[in-house]
Amino acid sequence: MTKDRGPSVKDGDTYEALREDGASKEKAARIANAKASDSQNPAEKGGKQPPYEDWTRDALYERAQELDITGRADMDKSALIDALRNH
Protein backbone atom coordinates (compact mmCIF):
# COMPACT_ATOMS: atom_id res chain seq x y z
CA MET A 1 0.00 0.00 0.00
CA THR A 2 1.41 3.37 -1.04
CA LYS A 3 1.74 5.94 1.71
CA ASP A 4 0.32 9.40 1.19
CA ARG A 5 3.31 11.73 1.31
CA GLY A 6 1.50 14.61 -0.31
CA PRO A 7 2.19 16.25 -3.65
CA SER A 8 5.69 17.46 -2.72
CA VAL A 9 7.41 14.05 -3.08
CA LYS A 10 7.93 13.17 -6.74
CA ASP A 11 9.66 9.76 -6.41
CA GLY A 12 7.97 7.76 -3.66
CA ASP A 13 10.13 4.64 -3.93
CA THR A 14 13.36 6.61 -3.53
CA TYR A 15 11.83 8.61 -0.68
CA GLU A 16 10.78 5.47 1.20
CA ALA A 17 14.18 3.80 0.69
CA LEU A 18 15.97 6.86 2.05
CA ARG A 19 13.63 7.09 5.05
CA GLU A 20 14.24 3.41 5.81
CA ASP A 21 17.99 4.12 5.71
CA GLY A 22 17.50 6.82 8.33
CA ALA A 23 17.36 10.01 6.25
CA SER A 24 15.20 12.83 7.57
CA LYS A 25 11.93 13.57 5.81
CA GLU A 26 13.39 16.79 4.41
CA LYS A 27 16.56 15.16 3.10
CA ALA A 28 14.69 12.20 1.63
CA ALA A 29 12.25 14.52 -0.16
CA ARG A 30 15.08 16.69 -1.55
CA ILE A 31 16.94 13.69 -2.96
CA ALA A 32 13.80 11.95 -4.27
CA ASN A 33 12.65 15.12 -6.02
CA ALA A 34 16.08 15.76 -7.52
CA LYS A 35 16.20 12.20 -8.82
CA ALA A 36 12.74 12.59 -10.40
CA SER A 37 13.74 15.84 -12.13
CA ASP A 38 15.09 15.71 -15.68
CA SER A 39 17.26 18.79 -15.03
CA GLN A 40 19.08 17.35 -11.99
CA ASN A 41 21.28 14.32 -11.46
CA PRO A 42 21.91 13.72 -7.74
CA ALA A 43 24.11 10.71 -8.44
CA GLU A 44 26.80 12.91 -9.99
CA LYS A 45 29.30 14.86 -7.93
CA GLY A 46 27.83 18.28 -7.50
CA GLY A 47 28.90 21.84 -7.02
CA LYS A 48 32.10 23.72 -7.21
CA GLN A 49 32.29 24.60 -3.51
CA PRO A 50 35.45 23.57 -1.67
CA PRO A 51 35.11 20.82 0.94
CA TYR A 52 33.72 21.92 4.30
CA GLU A 53 37.16 21.39 5.87
CA ASP A 54 38.42 24.37 3.84
CA TRP A 55 35.61 26.67 5.05
CA THR A 56 36.03 28.97 8.04
CA ARG A 57 33.98 28.30 11.16
CA ASP A 58 32.05 31.50 10.49
CA ALA A 59 31.16 30.38 6.95
CA LEU A 60 30.06 26.99 8.27
CA TYR A 61 27.96 28.71 10.93
CA GLU A 62 26.26 30.90 8.30
CA ARG A 63 25.43 27.84 6.21
CA ALA A 64 24.06 26.04 9.28
CA GLN A 65 21.98 29.14 10.00
CA GLU A 66 20.56 29.06 6.43
CA LEU A 67 19.55 25.43 6.98
CA ASP A 68 18.17 26.20 10.46
CA ILE A 69 20.37 23.61 12.18
CA THR A 70 19.65 23.73 15.89
CA GLY A 71 22.46 24.01 18.43
CA ARG A 72 24.82 25.57 15.91
CA ALA A 73 25.94 28.37 18.26
CA ASP A 74 27.61 25.87 20.60
CA MET A 75 29.28 23.83 17.84
CA ASP A 76 32.95 23.94 16.95
CA LYS A 77 34.09 23.64 13.34
CA SER A 78 34.15 19.83 13.40
CA ALA A 79 30.63 19.61 14.85
CA LEU A 80 29.31 22.11 12.28
CA ILE A 81 30.79 20.01 9.47
CA ASP A 82 29.14 16.87 10.86
CA ALA A 83 25.79 18.65 11.29
CA LEU A 84 25.88 20.03 7.74
CA ARG A 85 26.79 16.69 6.21
CA ASN A 86 24.06 14.90 8.11
CA HIS A 87 21.36 17.50 7.50
PDB file of N, CA and C in Angstrom:
ATOM      1  N   MET A   1       0.831  -1.178   0.000  1.00  0.00           N
ATOM      2  CA  MET A   1       0.000   0.000   0.000  1.00  0.00           C
ATOM      3  C   MET A   1       0.877   1.243   0.000  1.00  0.00           C
ATOM      4  N   THR A   2       0.639   2.150  -0.911  1.00  0.00           N
ATOM      5  CA  THR A   2       1.410   3.372  -1.036  1.00  0.00           C
ATOM      6  C   THR A   2       1.011   4.363   0.045  1.00  0.00           C
ATOM      7  N   LYS A   3       2.013   4.945   0.681  1.00  0.00           N
ATOM      8  CA  LYS A   3       1.742   5.937   1.715  1.00  0.00           C
ATOM      9  C   LYS A   3       1.467   7.275   1.067  1.00  0.00           C
ATOM     10  N   ASP A   4       0.615   8.070   1.699  1.00  0.00           N
ATOM     11  CA  ASP A   4       0.318   9.404   1.194  1.00  0.00           C
ATOM     12  C   ASP A   4       1.344  10.373   1.755  1.00  0.00           C
ATOM     13  N   ARG A   5       2.278  10.795   0.908  1.00  0.00           N
ATOM     14  CA  ARG A   5       3.313  11.732   1.314  1.00  0.00           C
ATOM     15  C   ARG A   5       2.987  13.139   0.857  1.00  0.00           C
ATOM     16  N   GLY A   6       1.874  13.305   0.199  1.00  0.00           N
ATOM     17  CA  GLY A   6       1.497  14.611  -0.313  1.00  0.00           C
ATOM     18  C   GLY A   6       2.099  14.856  -1.680  1.00  0.00           C
ATOM     19  N   PRO A   7       1.752  15.964  -2.287  1.00  0.00           N
ATOM     20  CA  PRO A   7       2.191  16.246  -3.653  1.00  0.00           C
ATOM     21  C   PRO A   7       3.650  16.672  -3.763  1.00  0.00           C
ATOM     22  N   SER A   8       4.327  16.932  -2.636  1.00  0.00           N
ATOM     23  CA  SER A   8       5.687  17.457  -2.723  1.00  0.00           C
ATOM     24  C   SER A   8       6.740  16.390  -3.016  1.00  0.00           C
ATOM     25  N   VAL A   9       6.440  15.112  -2.822  1.00  0.00           N
ATOM     26  CA  VAL A   9       7.406  14.048  -3.084  1.00  0.00           C
ATOM     27  C   VAL A   9       7.121  13.461  -4.458  1.00  0.00           C
ATOM     28  N   LYS A  10       8.119  13.576  -5.351  1.00  0.00           N
ATOM     29  CA  LYS A  10       7.925  13.167  -6.745  1.00  0.00           C
ATOM     30  C   LYS A  10       8.314  11.709  -7.014  1.00  0.00           C
ATOM     31  N   ASP A  11       9.213  11.137  -6.221  1.00  0.00           N
ATOM     32  CA  ASP A  11       9.660   9.758  -6.414  1.00  0.00           C
ATOM     33  C   ASP A  11       9.491   9.001  -5.093  1.00  0.00           C
ATOM     34  N   GLY A  12       8.322   8.409  -4.922  1.00  0.00           N
ATOM     35  CA  GLY A  12       7.967   7.765  -3.665  1.00  0.00           C
ATOM     36  C   GLY A  12       8.861   6.605  -3.278  1.00  0.00           C
ATOM     37  N   ASP A  13       9.281   5.795  -4.248  1.00  0.00           N
ATOM     38  CA  ASP A  13      10.132   4.644  -3.934  1.00  0.00           C
ATOM     39  C   ASP A  13      11.479   5.088  -3.371  1.00  0.00           C
ATOM     40  N   THR A  14      12.086   6.091  -4.013  1.00  0.00           N
ATOM     41  CA  THR A  14      13.357   6.614  -3.528  1.00  0.00           C
ATOM     42  C   THR A  14      13.185   7.223  -2.146  1.00  0.00           C
ATOM     43  N   TYR A  15      12.119   7.980  -1.970  1.00  0.00           N
ATOM     44  CA  TYR A  15      11.827   8.605  -0.678  1.00  0.00           C
ATOM     45  C   TYR A  15      11.738   7.558   0.429  1.00  0.00           C
ATOM     46  N   GLU A  16      10.958   6.508   0.187  1.00  0.00           N
ATOM     47  CA  GLU A  16      10.775   5.467   1.199  1.00  0.00           C
ATOM     48  C   GLU A  16      12.091   4.748   1.506  1.00  0.00           C
ATOM     49  N   ALA A  17      12.892   4.479   0.476  1.00  0.00           N
ATOM     50  CA  ALA A  17      14.175   3.803   0.691  1.00  0.00           C
ATOM     51  C   ALA A  17      15.104   4.668   1.541  1.00  0.00           C
ATOM     52  N   LEU A  18      15.134   5.954   1.268  1.00  0.00           N
ATOM     53  CA  LEU A  18      15.974   6.859   2.045  1.00  0.00           C
ATOM     54  C   LEU A  18      15.490   6.972   3.485  1.00  0.00           C
ATOM     55  N   ARG A  19      14.185   7.019   3.685  1.00  0.00           N
ATOM     56  CA  ARG A  19      13.632   7.091   5.047  1.00  0.00           C
ATOM     57  C   ARG A  19      13.967   5.820   5.827  1.00  0.00           C
ATOM     58  N   GLU A  20      13.896   4.662   5.150  1.00  0.00           N
ATOM     59  CA  GLU A  20      14.242   3.407   5.810  1.00  0.00           C
ATOM     60  C   GLU A  20      15.718   3.360   6.189  1.00  0.00           C
ATOM     61  N   ASP A  21      16.558   4.055   5.411  1.00  0.00           N
ATOM     62  CA  ASP A  21      17.986   4.119   5.705  1.00  0.00           C
ATOM     63  C   ASP A  21      18.310   5.162   6.773  1.00  0.00           C
ATOM     64  N   GLY A  22      17.291   5.878   7.243  1.00  0.00           N
ATOM     65  CA  GLY A  22      17.497   6.820   8.333  1.00  0.00           C
ATOM     66  C   GLY A  22      17.561   8.283   7.943  1.00  0.00           C
ATOM     67  N   ALA A  23      17.331   8.605   6.674  1.00  0.00           N
ATOM     68  CA  ALA A  23      17.356  10.009   6.248  1.00  0.00           C
ATOM     69  C   ALA A  23      16.138  10.743   6.812  1.00  0.00           C
ATOM     70  N   SER A  24      16.322  12.026   7.087  1.00  0.00           N
ATOM     71  CA  SER A  24      15.201  12.829   7.567  1.00  0.00           C
ATOM     72  C   SER A  24      14.173  12.976   6.447  1.00  0.00           C
ATOM     73  N   LYS A  25      12.971  13.369   6.817  1.00  0.00           N
ATOM     74  CA  LYS A  25      11.929  13.573   5.809  1.00  0.00           C
ATOM     75  C   LYS A  25      12.360  14.623   4.798  1.00  0.00           C
ATOM     76  N   GLU A  26      12.955  15.703   5.291  1.00  0.00           N
ATOM     77  CA  GLU A  26      13.385  16.789   4.409  1.00  0.00           C
ATOM     78  C   GLU A  26      14.459  16.322   3.432  1.00  0.00           C
ATOM     79  N   LYS A  27      15.471  15.637   3.954  1.00  0.00           N
ATOM     80  CA  LYS A  27      16.562  15.163   3.100  1.00  0.00           C
ATOM     81  C   LYS A  27      16.060  14.138   2.087  1.00  0.00           C
ATOM     82  N   ALA A  28      15.225  13.215   2.531  1.00  0.00           N
ATOM     83  CA  ALA A  28      14.688  12.197   1.630  1.00  0.00           C
ATOM     84  C   ALA A  28      13.861  12.840   0.515  1.00  0.00           C
ATOM     85  N   ALA A  29      13.060  13.837   0.856  1.00  0.00           N
ATOM     86  CA  ALA A  29      12.247  14.516  -0.156  1.00  0.00           C
ATOM     87  C   ALA A  29      13.121  15.269  -1.148  1.00  0.00           C
ATOM     88  N   ARG A  30      14.173  15.951  -0.645  1.00  0.00           N
ATOM     89  CA  ARG A  30      15.075  16.691  -1.548  1.00  0.00           C
ATOM     90  C   ARG A  30      15.718  15.760  -2.555  1.00  0.00           C
ATOM     91  N   ILE A  31      16.242  14.631  -2.077  1.00  0.00           N
ATOM     92  CA  ILE A  31      16.936  13.694  -2.965  1.00  0.00           C
ATOM     93  C   ILE A  31      15.955  13.032  -3.923  1.00  0.00           C
ATOM     94  N   ALA A  32      14.802  12.614  -3.417  1.00  0.00           N
ATOM     95  CA  ALA A  32      13.803  11.953  -4.271  1.00  0.00           C
ATOM     96  C   ALA A  32      13.328  12.902  -5.366  1.00  0.00           C
ATOM     97  N   ASN A  33      13.110  14.151  -5.023  1.00  0.00           N
ATOM     98  CA  ASN A  33      12.645  15.118  -6.018  1.00  0.00           C
ATOM     99  C   ASN A  33      13.736  15.440  -7.032  1.00  0.00           C
ATOM    100  N   ALA A  34      14.983  15.510  -6.591  1.00  0.00           N
ATOM    101  CA  ALA A  34      16.080  15.760  -7.522  1.00  0.00           C
ATOM    102  C   ALA A  34      16.230  14.590  -8.492  1.00  0.00           C
ATOM    103  N   LYS A  35      16.081  13.381  -7.966  1.00  0.00           N
ATOM    104  CA  LYS A  35      16.197  12.196  -8.820  1.00  0.00           C
ATOM    105  C   LYS A  35      15.075  12.156  -9.860  1.00  0.00           C
ATOM    106  N   ALA A  36      13.887  12.617  -9.489  1.00  0.00           N
ATOM    107  CA  ALA A  36      12.743  12.591 -10.396  1.00  0.00           C
ATOM    108  C   ALA A  36      12.813  13.696 -11.447  1.00  0.00           C
ATOM    109  N   SER A  37      13.651  14.701 -11.211  1.00  0.00           N
ATOM    110  CA  SER A  37      13.744  15.841 -12.129  1.00  0.00           C
ATOM    111  C   SER A  37      14.673  15.526 -13.301  1.00  0.00           C
ATOM    112  N   ASP A  38      14.252  15.913 -14.494  1.00  0.00           N
ATOM    113  CA  ASP A  38      15.092  15.712 -15.679  1.00  0.00           C
ATOM    114  C   ASP A  38      16.289  16.663 -15.699  1.00  0.00           C
ATOM    115  N   SER A  39      16.196  17.784 -14.987  1.00  0.00           N
ATOM    116  CA  SER A  39      17.258  18.785 -15.029  1.00  0.00           C
ATOM    117  C   SER A  39      18.306  18.578 -13.940  1.00  0.00           C
ATOM    118  N   GLN A  40      18.127  17.590 -13.068  1.00  0.00           N
ATOM    119  CA  GLN A  40      19.078  17.346 -11.994  1.00  0.00           C
ATOM    120  C   GLN A  40      19.539  15.903 -12.028  1.00  0.00           C
ATOM    121  N   ASN A  41      20.750  15.672 -11.549  1.00  0.00           N
ATOM    122  CA  ASN A  41      21.275  14.319 -11.460  1.00  0.00           C
ATOM    123  C   ASN A  41      22.000  14.164 -10.126  1.00  0.00           C
ATOM    124  N   PRO A  42      21.291  13.783  -9.061  1.00  0.00           N
ATOM    125  CA  PRO A  42      21.905  13.723  -7.742  1.00  0.00           C
ATOM    126  C   PRO A  42      22.974  12.644  -7.589  1.00  0.00           C
ATOM    127  N   ALA A  43      23.096  11.745  -8.538  1.00  0.00           N
ATOM    128  CA  ALA A  43      24.114  10.708  -8.441  1.00  0.00           C
ATOM    129  C   ALA A  43      25.489  11.235  -8.846  1.00  0.00           C
ATOM    130  N   GLU A  44      25.524  12.336  -9.570  1.00  0.00           N
ATOM    131  CA  GLU A  44      26.796  12.909  -9.994  1.00  0.00           C
ATOM    132  C   GLU A  44      27.334  13.829  -8.920  1.00  0.00           C
ATOM    133  N   LYS A  45      28.676  13.929  -8.874  1.00  0.00           N
ATOM    134  CA  LYS A  45      29.297  14.856  -7.932  1.00  0.00           C
ATOM    135  C   LYS A  45      28.841  16.258  -8.291  1.00  0.00           C
ATOM    136  N   GLY A  46      28.484  16.994  -7.291  1.00  0.00           N
ATOM    137  CA  GLY A  46      27.829  18.277  -7.500  1.00  0.00           C
ATOM    138  C   GLY A  46      28.730  19.470  -7.638  1.00  0.00           C
ATOM    139  N   GLY A  47      28.414  20.481  -6.858  1.00  0.00           N
ATOM    140  CA  GLY A  47      28.900  21.835  -7.015  1.00  0.00           C
ATOM    141  C   GLY A  47      30.395  22.045  -7.034  1.00  0.00           C
ATOM    142  N   LYS A  48      30.716  23.305  -7.100  1.00  0.00           N
ATOM    143  CA  LYS A  48      32.098  23.717  -7.207  1.00  0.00           C
ATOM    144  C   LYS A  48      32.614  24.306  -5.896  1.00  0.00           C
ATOM    145  N   GLN A  49      31.864  24.108  -4.821  1.00  0.00           N
ATOM    146  CA  GLN A  49      32.287  24.595  -3.515  1.00  0.00           C
ATOM    147  C   GLN A  49      33.450  23.741  -3.007  1.00  0.00           C
ATOM    148  N   PRO A  50      34.368  24.371  -2.279  1.00  0.00           N
ATOM    149  CA  PRO A  50      35.446  23.575  -1.671  1.00  0.00           C
ATOM    150  C   PRO A  50      34.872  22.695  -0.561  1.00  0.00           C
ATOM    151  N   PRO A  51      35.599  21.672  -0.153  1.00  0.00           N
ATOM    152  CA  PRO A  51      35.108  20.816   0.936  1.00  0.00           C
ATOM    153  C   PRO A  51      34.930  21.635   2.219  1.00  0.00           C
ATOM    154  N   TYR A  52      34.008  21.194   3.062  1.00  0.00           N
ATOM    155  CA  TYR A  52      33.721  21.919   4.302  1.00  0.00           C
ATOM    156  C   TYR A  52      34.986  22.143   5.137  1.00  0.00           C
ATOM    157  N   GLU A  53      35.939  21.242   5.083  1.00  0.00           N
ATOM    158  CA  GLU A  53      37.157  21.393   5.873  1.00  0.00           C
ATOM    159  C   GLU A  53      37.931  22.658   5.503  1.00  0.00           C
ATOM    160  N   ASP A  54      37.737  23.150   4.284  1.00  0.00           N
ATOM    161  CA  ASP A  54      38.419  24.369   3.837  1.00  0.00           C
ATOM    162  C   ASP A  54      37.658  25.642   4.209  1.00  0.00           C
ATOM    163  N   TRP A  55      36.423  25.512   4.674  1.00  0.00           N
ATOM    164  CA  TRP A  55      35.611  26.669   5.054  1.00  0.00           C
ATOM    165  C   TRP A  55      36.048  27.162   6.428  1.00  0.00           C
ATOM    166  N   THR A  56      35.812  28.442   6.697  1.00  0.00           N
ATOM    167  CA  THR A  56      36.034  28.968   8.041  1.00  0.00           C
ATOM    168  C   THR A  56      34.870  28.550   8.929  1.00  0.00           C
ATOM    169  N   ARG A  57      35.062  28.628  10.240  1.00  0.00           N
ATOM    170  CA  ARG A  57      33.980  28.299  11.158  1.00  0.00           C
ATOM    171  C   ARG A  57      32.813  29.252  10.958  1.00  0.00           C
ATOM    172  N   ASP A  58      33.121  30.522  10.705  1.00  0.00           N
ATOM    173  CA  ASP A  58      32.049  31.502  10.490  1.00  0.00           C
ATOM    174  C   ASP A  58      31.226  31.180   9.248  1.00  0.00           C
ATOM    175  N   ALA A  59      31.881  30.744   8.177  1.00  0.00           N
ATOM    176  CA  ALA A  59      31.155  30.383   6.953  1.00  0.00           C
ATOM    177  C   ALA A  59      30.293  29.145   7.189  1.00  0.00           C
ATOM    178  N   LEU A  60      30.836  28.186   7.934  1.00  0.00           N
ATOM    179  CA  LEU A  60      30.061  26.987   8.272  1.00  0.00           C
ATOM    180  C   LEU A  60      28.856  27.357   9.122  1.00  0.00           C
ATOM    181  N   TYR A  61      29.058  28.271  10.071  1.00  0.00           N
ATOM    182  CA  TYR A  61      27.962  28.712  10.930  1.00  0.00           C
ATOM    183  C   TYR A  61      26.865  29.378  10.102  1.00  0.00           C
ATOM    184  N   GLU A  62      27.252  30.230   9.158  1.00  0.00           N
ATOM    185  CA  GLU A  62      26.260  30.899   8.295  1.00  0.00           C
ATOM    186  C   GLU A  62      25.456  29.885   7.494  1.00  0.00           C
ATOM    187  N   ARG A  63      26.138  28.871   6.974  1.00  0.00           N
ATOM    188  CA  ARG A  63      25.429  27.837   6.211  1.00  0.00           C
ATOM    189  C   ARG A  63      24.475  27.065   7.119  1.00  0.00           C
ATOM    190  N   ALA A  64      24.914  26.741   8.321  1.00  0.00           N
ATOM    191  CA  ALA A  64      24.060  26.042   9.280  1.00  0.00           C
ATOM    192  C   ALA A  64      22.855  26.908   9.638  1.00  0.00           C
ATOM    193  N   GLN A  65      23.073  28.214   9.709  1.00  0.00           N
ATOM    194  CA  GLN A  65      21.977  29.139   9.996  1.00  0.00           C
ATOM    195  C   GLN A  65      20.962  29.128   8.854  1.00  0.00           C
ATOM    196  N   GLU A  66      21.447  29.117   7.602  1.00  0.00           N
ATOM    197  CA  GLU A  66      20.559  29.061   6.430  1.00  0.00           C
ATOM    198  C   GLU A  66      19.687  27.807   6.469  1.00  0.00           C
ATOM    199  N   LEU A  67      20.266  26.712   6.940  1.00  0.00           N
ATOM    200  CA  LEU A  67      19.552  25.434   6.983  1.00  0.00           C
ATOM    201  C   LEU A  67      18.803  25.233   8.298  1.00  0.00           C
ATOM    202  N   ASP A  68      18.875  26.231   9.181  1.00  0.00           N
ATOM    203  CA  ASP A  68      18.170  26.199  10.465  1.00  0.00           C
ATOM    204  C   ASP A  68      18.561  24.979  11.299  1.00  0.00           C
ATOM    205  N   ILE A  69      19.855  24.710  11.367  1.00  0.00           N
ATOM    206  CA  ILE A  69      20.372  23.612  12.182  1.00  0.00           C
ATOM    207  C   ILE A  69      20.399  24.079  13.634  1.00  0.00           C
ATOM    208  N   THR A  70      19.727  23.336  14.493  1.00  0.00           N
ATOM    209  CA  THR A  70      19.649  23.733  15.894  1.00  0.00           C
ATOM    210  C   THR A  70      20.943  23.404  16.630  1.00  0.00           C
ATOM    211  N   GLY A  71      21.264  24.218  17.631  1.00  0.00           N
ATOM    212  CA  GLY A  71      22.456  24.013  18.431  1.00  0.00           C
ATOM    213  C   GLY A  71      23.733  24.502  17.799  1.00  0.00           C
ATOM    214  N   ARG A  72      23.635  25.168  16.673  1.00  0.00           N
ATOM    215  CA  ARG A  72      24.824  25.573  15.914  1.00  0.00           C
ATOM    216  C   ARG A  72      25.723  26.549  16.674  1.00  0.00           C
ATOM    217  N   ALA A  73      25.152  27.372  17.538  1.00  0.00           N
ATOM    218  CA  ALA A  73      25.937  28.370  18.261  1.00  0.00           C
ATOM    219  C   ALA A  73      26.978  27.730  19.170  1.00  0.00           C
ATOM    220  N   ASP A  74      26.696  26.552  19.674  1.00  0.00           N
ATOM    221  CA  ASP A  74      27.609  25.873  20.596  1.00  0.00           C
ATOM    222  C   ASP A  74      28.564  24.909  19.895  1.00  0.00           C
ATOM    223  N   MET A  75      28.471  24.808  18.570  1.00  0.00           N
ATOM    224  CA  MET A  75      29.277  23.831  17.841  1.00  0.00           C
ATOM    225  C   MET A  75      30.626  24.409  17.431  1.00  0.00           C
ATOM    226  N   ASP A  76      31.662  23.556  17.513  1.00  0.00           N
ATOM    227  CA  ASP A  76      32.948  23.942  16.952  1.00  0.00           C
ATOM    228  C   ASP A  76      32.945  23.586  15.464  1.00  0.00           C
ATOM    229  N   LYS A  77      34.032  23.851  14.787  1.00  0.00           N
ATOM    230  CA  LYS A  77      34.095  23.643  13.338  1.00  0.00           C
ATOM    231  C   LYS A  77      33.788  22.188  12.971  1.00  0.00           C
ATOM    232  N   SER A  78      34.358  21.257  13.690  1.00  0.00           N
ATOM    233  CA  SER A  78      34.145  19.833  13.405  1.00  0.00           C
ATOM    234  C   SER A  78      32.674  19.442  13.563  1.00  0.00           C
ATOM    235  N   ALA A  79      32.046  19.927  14.612  1.00  0.00           N
ATOM    236  CA  ALA A  79      30.634  19.608  14.852  1.00  0.00           C
ATOM    237  C   ALA A  79      29.744  20.240  13.782  1.00  0.00           C
ATOM    238  N   LEU A  80      30.086  21.451  13.349  1.00  0.00           N
ATOM    239  CA  LEU A  80      29.312  22.105  12.281  1.00  0.00           C
ATOM    240  C   LEU A  80      29.414  21.297  10.991  1.00  0.00           C
ATOM    241  N   ILE A  81      30.603  20.824  10.675  1.00  0.00           N
ATOM    242  CA  ILE A  81      30.787  20.010   9.466  1.00  0.00           C
ATOM    243  C   ILE A  81      29.924  18.749   9.548  1.00  0.00           C
ATOM    244  N   ASP A  82      29.946  18.074  10.685  1.00  0.00           N
ATOM    245  CA  ASP A  82      29.138  16.869  10.864  1.00  0.00           C
ATOM    246  C   ASP A  82      27.650  17.188  10.719  1.00  0.00           C
ATOM    247  N   ALA A  83      27.208  18.273  11.341  1.00  0.00           N
ATOM    248  CA  ALA A  83      25.789  18.650  11.286  1.00  0.00           C
ATOM    249  C   ALA A  83      25.369  18.975   9.857  1.00  0.00           C
ATOM    250  N   LEU A  84      26.221  19.677   9.121  1.00  0.00           N
ATOM    251  CA  LEU A  84      25.884  20.032   7.737  1.00  0.00           C
ATOM    252  C   LEU A  84      25.836  18.791   6.848  1.00  0.00           C
ATOM    253  N   ARG A  85      26.765  17.904   7.034  1.00  0.00           N
ATOM    254  CA  ARG A  85      26.787  16.693   6.213  1.00  0.00           C
ATOM    255  C   ARG A  85      25.629  15.758   6.515  1.00  0.00           C
ATOM    256  N   ASN A  86      25.141  15.802   7.729  1.00  0.00           N
ATOM    257  CA  ASN A  86      24.059  14.904   8.111  1.00  0.00           C
ATOM    258  C   ASN A  86      22.684  15.568   8.061  1.00  0.00           C
ATOM    259  N   HIS A  87      22.642  16.776   7.571  1.00  0.00           N
ATOM    260  CA  HIS A  87      21.364  17.496   7.497  1.00  0.00           C
ATOM    261  C   HIS A  87      20.485  16.927   6.407  1.00  0.00           C
TER     262      HIS A  87
END
